[in-house]
Amino acid sequence: MSGGVWVDVDRVRGVADALVVSADALCAAAASVADAGFGPAGAGRNYGDLGALYIQAHAGLGRAVGAWKSSVDDISSALTTSMNEYDRQDDAAAFVIESDR
């Protein structure tokens, strides 16, 4: 007979929470980078097309990290939901096993 399966639901929930915290931090950093702080003609210089491409690249970085963060949020939510359901089922099974018959 197998020794069974044990899942540390609190640890998995902690991982899910840590994923969100790190994604939030990276998203905040990307947002600060996405706002390059000047337009194509910023700082009294005319950067022209090169400046426009630079700004566009920074904005693209922000969008990409935002999309990644959305995925991380979804994964975190799924992990938390799974652990909550595992906990609920484990409690229900333990109750049935320990109940008088």
N, C-alpha and C. Protein backbone atom coordinates (compact mmCIF):
# COMPACT_ATOMS: atom_id res chain seq x y z
N MET A 1 0.84 -1.18 0.00
CA MET A 1 0.00 0.00 0.00
C MET A 1 0.88 1.24 0.00
N SER A 2 0.43 2.22 -0.70
CA SER A 2 1.17 3.47 -0.82
C SER A 2 1.13 4.25 0.49
N GLY A 3 2.14 5.06 0.69
CA GLY A 3 2.18 5.91 1.87
C GLY A 3 1.26 7.10 1.76
N GLY A 4 0.61 7.28 0.62
CA GLY A 4 -0.31 8.39 0.42
C GLY A 4 0.38 9.61 -0.16
N VAL A 5 -0.41 10.58 -0.40
CA VAL A 5 0.08 11.83 -0.96
C VAL A 5 -0.18 12.94 0.05
N TRP A 6 0.81 13.77 0.25
CA TRP A 6 0.65 14.89 1.17
C TRP A 6 1.00 16.16 0.42
N VAL A 7 0.13 17.12 0.51
CA VAL A 7 0.36 18.41 -0.14
C VAL A 7 0.38 19.48 0.94
N ASP A 8 1.42 20.30 0.92
CA ASP A 8 1.52 21.42 1.86
C ASP A 8 0.78 22.61 1.24
N VAL A 9 -0.53 22.67 1.53
CA VAL A 9 -1.37 23.69 0.90
C VAL A 9 -0.94 25.11 1.27
N ASP A 10 -0.49 25.30 2.49
CA ASP A 10 -0.05 26.64 2.89
C ASP A 10 1.19 27.07 2.12
N ARG A 11 2.07 26.12 1.88
CA ARG A 11 3.29 26.44 1.12
C ARG A 11 2.95 26.78 -0.33
N VAL A 12 2.04 26.00 -0.93
CA VAL A 12 1.64 26.27 -2.32
C VAL A 12 0.94 27.62 -2.39
N ARG A 13 0.07 27.91 -1.43
CA ARG A 13 -0.57 29.24 -1.40
C ARG A 13 0.48 30.34 -1.26
N GLY A 14 1.51 30.09 -0.46
CA GLY A 14 2.60 31.06 -0.30
C GLY A 14 3.34 31.30 -1.61
N VAL A 15 3.55 30.24 -2.37
CA VAL A 15 4.19 30.37 -3.68
C VAL A 15 3.31 31.23 -4.59
N ALA A 16 2.01 30.95 -4.58
CA ALA A 16 1.08 31.73 -5.40
C ALA A 16 1.13 33.21 -5.03
N ASP A 17 1.14 33.49 -3.74
CA ASP A 17 1.22 34.88 -3.28
C ASP A 17 2.54 35.53 -3.68
N ALA A 18 3.64 34.77 -3.55
CA ALA A 18 4.96 35.30 -3.91
C ALA A 18 5.04 35.59 -5.41
N LEU A 19 4.40 34.76 -6.23
CA LEU A 19 4.37 35.02 -7.67
C LEU A 19 3.72 36.37 -7.96
N VAL A 20 2.60 36.64 -7.30
CA VAL A 20 1.89 37.90 -7.52
C VAL A 20 2.73 39.08 -7.06
N VAL A 21 3.36 38.95 -5.90
CA VAL A 21 4.19 40.05 -5.38
C VAL A 21 5.34 40.35 -6.34
N SER A 22 6.02 39.31 -6.83
CA SER A 22 7.14 39.55 -7.74
C SER A 22 6.65 40.10 -9.08
N ALA A 23 5.50 39.63 -9.55
CA ALA A 23 4.95 40.15 -10.80
C ALA A 23 4.56 41.62 -10.64
N ASP A 24 4.01 41.97 -9.49
CA ASP A 24 3.67 43.37 -9.23
C ASP A 24 4.92 44.25 -9.26
N ALA A 25 5.99 43.76 -8.64
CA ALA A 25 7.23 44.53 -8.60
C ALA A 25 7.82 44.71 -10.01
N LEU A 26 7.82 43.63 -10.79
CA LEU A 26 8.35 43.73 -12.15
C LEU A 26 7.48 44.63 -13.01
N CYS A 27 6.18 44.53 -12.82
CA CYS A 27 5.26 45.37 -13.59
C CYS A 27 5.47 46.85 -13.25
N ALA A 28 5.68 47.15 -11.98
CA ALA A 28 5.95 48.53 -11.58
C ALA A 28 7.25 49.04 -12.19
N ALA A 29 8.27 48.18 -12.20
CA ALA A 29 9.54 48.57 -12.81
C ALA A 29 9.38 48.79 -14.30
N ALA A 30 8.64 47.90 -14.96
CA ALA A 30 8.42 48.04 -16.40
C ALA A 30 7.62 49.30 -16.71
N ALA A 31 6.68 49.63 -15.85
CA ALA A 31 5.89 50.85 -16.06
C ALA A 31 6.78 52.09 -15.97
N SER A 32 7.74 52.06 -15.05
CA SER A 32 8.64 53.21 -14.93
C SER A 32 9.57 53.30 -16.14
N VAL A 33 9.94 52.15 -16.69
CA VAL A 33 10.79 52.13 -17.88
C VAL A 33 9.98 52.52 -19.11
N ALA A 34 8.71 52.06 -19.16
CA ALA A 34 7.86 52.35 -20.32
C ALA A 34 7.65 53.85 -20.48
N ASP A 35 7.67 54.58 -19.37
CA ASP A 35 7.57 56.03 -19.45
C ASP A 35 8.99 56.57 -19.48
N ALA A 36 9.54 56.65 -20.67
CA ALA A 36 10.94 57.03 -20.82
C ALA A 36 11.23 58.45 -20.35
N GLY A 37 10.21 59.21 -20.11
CA GLY A 37 10.41 60.54 -19.55
C GLY A 37 10.60 61.64 -20.57
N PHE A 38 10.58 61.30 -21.83
CA PHE A 38 10.68 62.34 -22.84
C PHE A 38 10.06 61.82 -24.13
N GLY A 39 9.58 62.74 -24.91
CA GLY A 39 9.05 62.40 -26.22
C GLY A 39 10.14 62.50 -27.26
N PRO A 40 9.81 62.30 -28.51
CA PRO A 40 10.83 62.36 -29.57
C PRO A 40 11.59 63.68 -29.62
N ALA A 41 10.97 64.74 -29.17
CA ALA A 41 11.64 66.04 -29.21
C ALA A 41 12.00 66.52 -27.81
N GLY A 42 12.14 65.58 -26.86
CA GLY A 42 12.38 65.95 -25.46
C GLY A 42 13.74 66.57 -25.23
N ALA A 43 13.86 67.21 -24.08
CA ALA A 43 15.11 67.81 -23.61
C ALA A 43 15.70 68.81 -24.60
N GLY A 44 14.84 69.45 -25.35
CA GLY A 44 15.31 70.48 -26.26
C GLY A 44 16.00 69.93 -27.49
N ARG A 45 16.02 68.63 -27.67
CA ARG A 45 16.66 68.04 -28.85
C ARG A 45 15.59 67.37 -29.71
N ASN A 46 15.82 67.32 -30.96
CA ASN A 46 14.88 66.65 -31.84
C ASN A 46 15.43 65.26 -32.15
N TYR A 47 14.85 64.27 -31.47
CA TYR A 47 15.29 62.90 -31.70
C TYR A 47 14.62 62.29 -32.93
N GLY A 48 13.59 62.94 -33.42
CA GLY A 48 12.93 62.52 -34.65
C GLY A 48 12.46 61.08 -34.61
N ASP A 49 12.70 60.39 -35.72
CA ASP A 49 12.23 59.01 -35.84
C ASP A 49 12.87 58.08 -34.81
N LEU A 50 14.14 58.31 -34.50
CA LEU A 50 14.83 57.47 -33.52
C LEU A 50 14.17 57.60 -32.14
N GLY A 51 13.82 58.81 -31.77
CA GLY A 51 13.13 59.02 -30.49
C GLY A 51 11.77 58.35 -30.48
N ALA A 52 11.05 58.43 -31.58
CA ALA A 52 9.74 57.80 -31.66
C ALA A 52 9.87 56.27 -31.53
N LEU A 53 10.87 55.69 -32.16
CA LEU A 53 11.10 54.25 -32.06
C LEU A 53 11.50 53.85 -30.64
N TYR A 54 12.28 54.69 -30.01
CA TYR A 54 12.71 54.44 -28.63
C TYR A 54 11.49 54.42 -27.71
N ILE A 55 10.64 55.41 -27.84
CA ILE A 55 9.42 55.49 -27.02
C ILE A 55 8.53 54.29 -27.31
N GLN A 56 8.40 53.92 -28.56
CA GLN A 56 7.57 52.78 -28.95
C GLN A 56 8.11 51.48 -28.33
N ALA A 57 9.41 51.31 -28.32
CA ALA A 57 10.02 50.11 -27.73
C ALA A 57 9.75 50.05 -26.23
N HIS A 58 9.87 51.16 -25.55
CA HIS A 58 9.60 51.20 -24.11
C HIS A 58 8.14 50.89 -23.83
N ALA A 59 7.24 51.43 -24.64
CA ALA A 59 5.81 51.15 -24.47
C ALA A 59 5.54 49.66 -24.71
N GLY A 60 6.22 49.07 -25.69
CA GLY A 60 6.06 47.65 -25.97
C GLY A 60 6.51 46.79 -24.79
N LEU A 61 7.58 47.20 -24.14
CA LEU A 61 8.06 46.49 -22.96
C LEU A 61 6.99 46.51 -21.88
N GLY A 62 6.40 47.65 -21.65
CA GLY A 62 5.34 47.76 -20.64
C GLY A 62 4.15 46.86 -20.96
N ARG A 63 3.75 46.83 -22.23
CA ARG A 63 2.63 45.97 -22.63
C ARG A 63 2.97 44.49 -22.44
N ALA A 64 4.18 44.10 -22.81
CA ALA A 64 4.59 42.70 -22.70
C ALA A 64 4.62 42.25 -21.24
N VAL A 65 5.19 43.07 -20.38
CA VAL A 65 5.24 42.72 -18.96
C VAL A 65 3.83 42.72 -18.37
N GLY A 66 2.99 43.63 -18.81
CA GLY A 66 1.60 43.64 -18.34
C GLY A 66 0.87 42.36 -18.72
N ALA A 67 1.09 41.88 -19.93
CA ALA A 67 0.47 40.62 -20.37
C ALA A 67 1.01 39.45 -19.56
N TRP A 68 2.33 39.45 -19.31
CA TRP A 68 2.93 38.40 -18.49
C TRP A 68 2.35 38.42 -17.08
N LYS A 69 2.20 39.62 -16.51
CA LYS A 69 1.64 39.73 -15.16
C LYS A 69 0.23 39.20 -15.11
N SER A 70 -0.55 39.46 -16.13
CA SER A 70 -1.91 38.94 -16.18
C SER A 70 -1.90 37.41 -16.14
N SER A 71 -0.97 36.80 -16.86
CA SER A 71 -0.84 35.34 -16.83
C SER A 71 -0.42 34.84 -15.46
N VAL A 72 0.51 35.53 -14.83
CA VAL A 72 0.95 35.15 -13.49
C VAL A 72 -0.21 35.25 -12.50
N ASP A 73 -1.00 36.31 -12.62
CA ASP A 73 -2.17 36.46 -11.76
C ASP A 73 -3.14 35.28 -11.94
N ASP A 74 -3.35 34.88 -13.20
CA ASP A 74 -4.23 33.74 -13.48
C ASP A 74 -3.68 32.45 -12.87
N ILE A 75 -2.38 32.23 -13.00
CA ILE A 75 -1.75 31.03 -12.44
C ILE A 75 -1.86 31.04 -10.92
N SER A 76 -1.59 32.18 -10.32
CA SER A 76 -1.68 32.30 -8.87
C SER A 76 -3.10 32.01 -8.39
N SER A 77 -4.06 32.55 -9.09
CA SER A 77 -5.46 32.32 -8.73
C SER A 77 -5.81 30.84 -8.86
N ALA A 78 -5.35 30.20 -9.92
CA ALA A 78 -5.63 28.78 -10.12
C ALA A 78 -4.98 27.93 -9.02
N LEU A 79 -3.75 28.26 -8.66
CA LEU A 79 -3.07 27.53 -7.57
C LEU A 79 -3.83 27.68 -6.26
N THR A 80 -4.23 28.90 -5.94
CA THR A 80 -4.95 29.15 -4.70
C THR A 80 -6.29 28.42 -4.70
N THR A 81 -7.01 28.48 -5.80
CA THR A 81 -8.29 27.78 -5.90
C THR A 81 -8.10 26.28 -5.75
N SER A 82 -7.07 25.73 -6.39
CA SER A 82 -6.80 24.29 -6.28
C SER A 82 -6.50 23.89 -4.84
N MET A 83 -5.69 24.71 -4.16
CA MET A 83 -5.36 24.38 -2.78
C MET A 83 -6.57 24.51 -1.86
N ASN A 84 -7.41 25.50 -2.11
CA ASN A 84 -8.62 25.63 -1.31
C ASN A 84 -9.53 24.41 -1.49
N GLU A 85 -9.64 23.95 -2.73
CA GLU A 85 -10.48 22.77 -3.01
C GLU A 85 -9.85 21.51 -2.42
N TYR A 86 -8.53 21.39 -2.52
CA TYR A 86 -7.84 20.25 -1.93
C TYR A 86 -8.08 20.22 -0.42
N ASP A 87 -7.94 21.38 0.21
CA ASP A 87 -8.17 21.51 1.65
C ASP A 87 -9.61 21.09 2.01
N ARG A 88 -10.57 21.56 1.23
CA ARG A 88 -11.97 21.26 1.49
C ARG A 88 -12.22 19.76 1.37
N GLN A 89 -11.70 19.15 0.31
CA GLN A 89 -11.89 17.72 0.11
C GLN A 89 -11.18 16.90 1.19
N ASP A 90 -9.99 17.34 1.56
CA ASP A 90 -9.24 16.64 2.60
C ASP A 90 -9.99 16.69 3.93
N ASP A 91 -10.54 17.86 4.27
CA ASP A 91 -11.33 17.99 5.50
C ASP A 91 -12.57 17.10 5.45
N ALA A 92 -13.24 17.08 4.31
CA ALA A 92 -14.44 16.27 4.16
C ALA A 92 -14.11 14.78 4.31
N ALA A 93 -13.01 14.35 3.70
CA ALA A 93 -12.61 12.94 3.79
C ALA A 93 -12.22 12.58 5.22
N ALA A 94 -11.49 13.46 5.86
CA ALA A 94 -11.09 13.22 7.26
C ALA A 94 -12.33 13.12 8.15
N PHE A 95 -13.31 13.96 7.92
CA PHE A 95 -14.54 13.92 8.71
C PHE A 95 -15.25 12.59 8.53
N VAL A 96 -15.35 12.12 7.29
CA VAL A 96 -16.04 10.84 7.01
C VAL A 96 -15.28 9.69 7.65
N ILE A 97 -13.97 9.69 7.56
CA ILE A 97 -13.15 8.61 8.12
C ILE A 97 -13.29 8.58 9.64
N GLU A 98 -13.33 9.75 10.27
CA GLU A 98 -13.35 9.83 11.72
C GLU A 98 -14.76 9.75 12.31
N SER A 99 -15.79 9.81 11.47
CA SER A 99 -17.17 9.77 11.96
C SER A 99 -17.54 8.37 12.45
N ASP A 100 -18.43 8.35 13.43
CA ASP A 100 -18.98 7.06 13.88
C ASP A 100 -19.89 6.53 12.79
N ARG A 101 -19.84 5.24 12.60
CA ARG A 101 -20.68 4.65 11.57
C ARG A 101 -21.77 3.84 12.18
